[in-house]
């Protein structure tokens, strides 16, 4: 789940497509979904985690990448 404060602070105010960047710069498309009143990452998230060696229960950081010419939000995994 993504914290609502993070979403608001970064102007992510709608559900839908999002781009995820792996440590190697490879891109994955995923979708922001509303689940139980929270925002979660859906389709594409499992593949992103597997490709980047993220396992269930592991903590990691995603960095918001603000690309002025990009309308799709971008999150990058931090090493």
Protein backbone atom coordinates (compact mmCIF):
# COMPACT_ATOMS: atom_id res chain seq x y z
CA UNK A 1 0.00 0.00 0.00
CA UNK A 2 1.09 3.56 -0.66
CA UNK A 3 0.66 6.10 2.17
CA UNK A 4 -2.00 8.74 1.45
CA UNK A 5 0.38 11.48 2.67
CA UNK A 6 2.95 10.39 0.06
CA UNK A 7 0.32 10.36 -2.66
CA UNK A 8 -0.96 13.85 -1.78
CA UNK A 9 2.52 15.36 -1.37
CA UNK A 10 3.49 14.20 -4.86
CA UNK A 11 0.27 15.16 -6.62
CA UNK A 12 -0.75 11.59 -7.38
CA UNK A 13 -4.47 12.14 -7.18
CA UNK A 14 -5.97 9.54 -9.48
CA UNK A 15 -5.93 5.81 -9.91
CA UNK A 16 -4.64 4.20 -13.08
CA UNK A 17 -1.39 3.51 -14.87
CA UNK A 18 1.96 4.06 -13.17
CA UNK A 19 5.51 3.35 -14.32
CA UNK A 20 7.94 1.48 -12.08
CA UNK A 21 11.70 1.70 -12.66
CA UNK A 22 13.96 -1.12 -11.57
CA UNK A 23 17.51 -0.76 -10.28
CA UNK A 24 18.80 -1.49 -13.78
CA UNK A 25 16.57 1.19 -15.33
CA UNK A 26 14.11 -1.29 -16.85
CA UNK A 27 10.49 -0.09 -16.88
CA UNK A 28 7.33 -1.92 -15.83
CA UNK A 29 3.75 -0.74 -16.17
CA UNK A 30 1.56 -1.22 -13.13
CA UNK A 31 -1.74 0.17 -11.94
CA UNK A 32 -2.80 2.10 -8.85
CA UNK A 33 -5.92 0.53 -7.40
CA UNK A 34 -8.20 1.38 -4.51
CA UNK A 35 -8.37 -1.51 -2.06
CA UNK A 36 -10.11 -1.35 1.32
CA UNK A 37 -9.91 2.46 1.28
CA UNK A 38 -6.17 2.47 0.57
CA UNK A 39 -4.15 2.82 -2.62
CA UNK A 40 -2.31 -0.31 -3.71
CA UNK A 41 -0.22 -1.33 -6.70
CA UNK A 42 -1.93 -3.91 -8.90
CA UNK A 43 -1.21 -5.52 -12.28
CA UNK A 44 2.52 -5.50 -12.96
CA UNK A 45 3.60 -5.20 -9.33
CA UNK A 46 4.36 -8.91 -8.81
CA UNK A 47 6.54 -9.05 -11.93
CA UNK A 48 8.40 -5.90 -10.86
CA UNK A 49 9.12 -7.37 -7.41
CA UNK A 50 10.30 -10.68 -8.83
CA UNK A 51 12.61 -9.03 -11.37
CA UNK A 52 14.13 -6.78 -8.69
CA UNK A 53 14.58 -9.47 -6.05
CA UNK A 54 11.98 -8.05 -3.66
CA UNK A 55 10.47 -10.74 -1.44
CA UNK A 56 7.31 -10.80 0.65
CA UNK A 57 7.81 -8.96 3.94
CA UNK A 58 10.97 -7.17 2.79
CA UNK A 59 11.27 -3.42 3.31
CA UNK A 60 12.47 -1.19 0.50
CA UNK A 61 12.10 2.38 -0.70
CA UNK A 62 10.43 3.71 -3.82
CA UNK A 63 11.48 7.17 -4.98
CA UNK A 64 9.06 9.52 -6.75
CA UNK A 65 10.57 10.67 -10.05
CA UNK A 66 9.08 13.98 -11.16
CA UNK A 67 9.32 14.10 -14.95
CA UNK A 68 7.79 17.35 -16.17
CA UNK A 69 6.81 16.00 -19.60
CA UNK A 70 5.43 12.71 -18.27
CA UNK A 71 1.74 12.37 -17.41
CA UNK A 72 2.12 8.87 -15.92
CA UNK A 73 3.54 8.84 -12.37
CA UNK A 74 6.98 7.19 -12.07
CA UNK A 75 8.35 5.39 -9.00
CA UNK A 76 11.92 4.05 -8.87
CA UNK A 77 13.22 1.38 -6.53
CA UNK A 78 16.15 2.60 -4.43
CA UNK A 79 19.08 0.33 -3.70
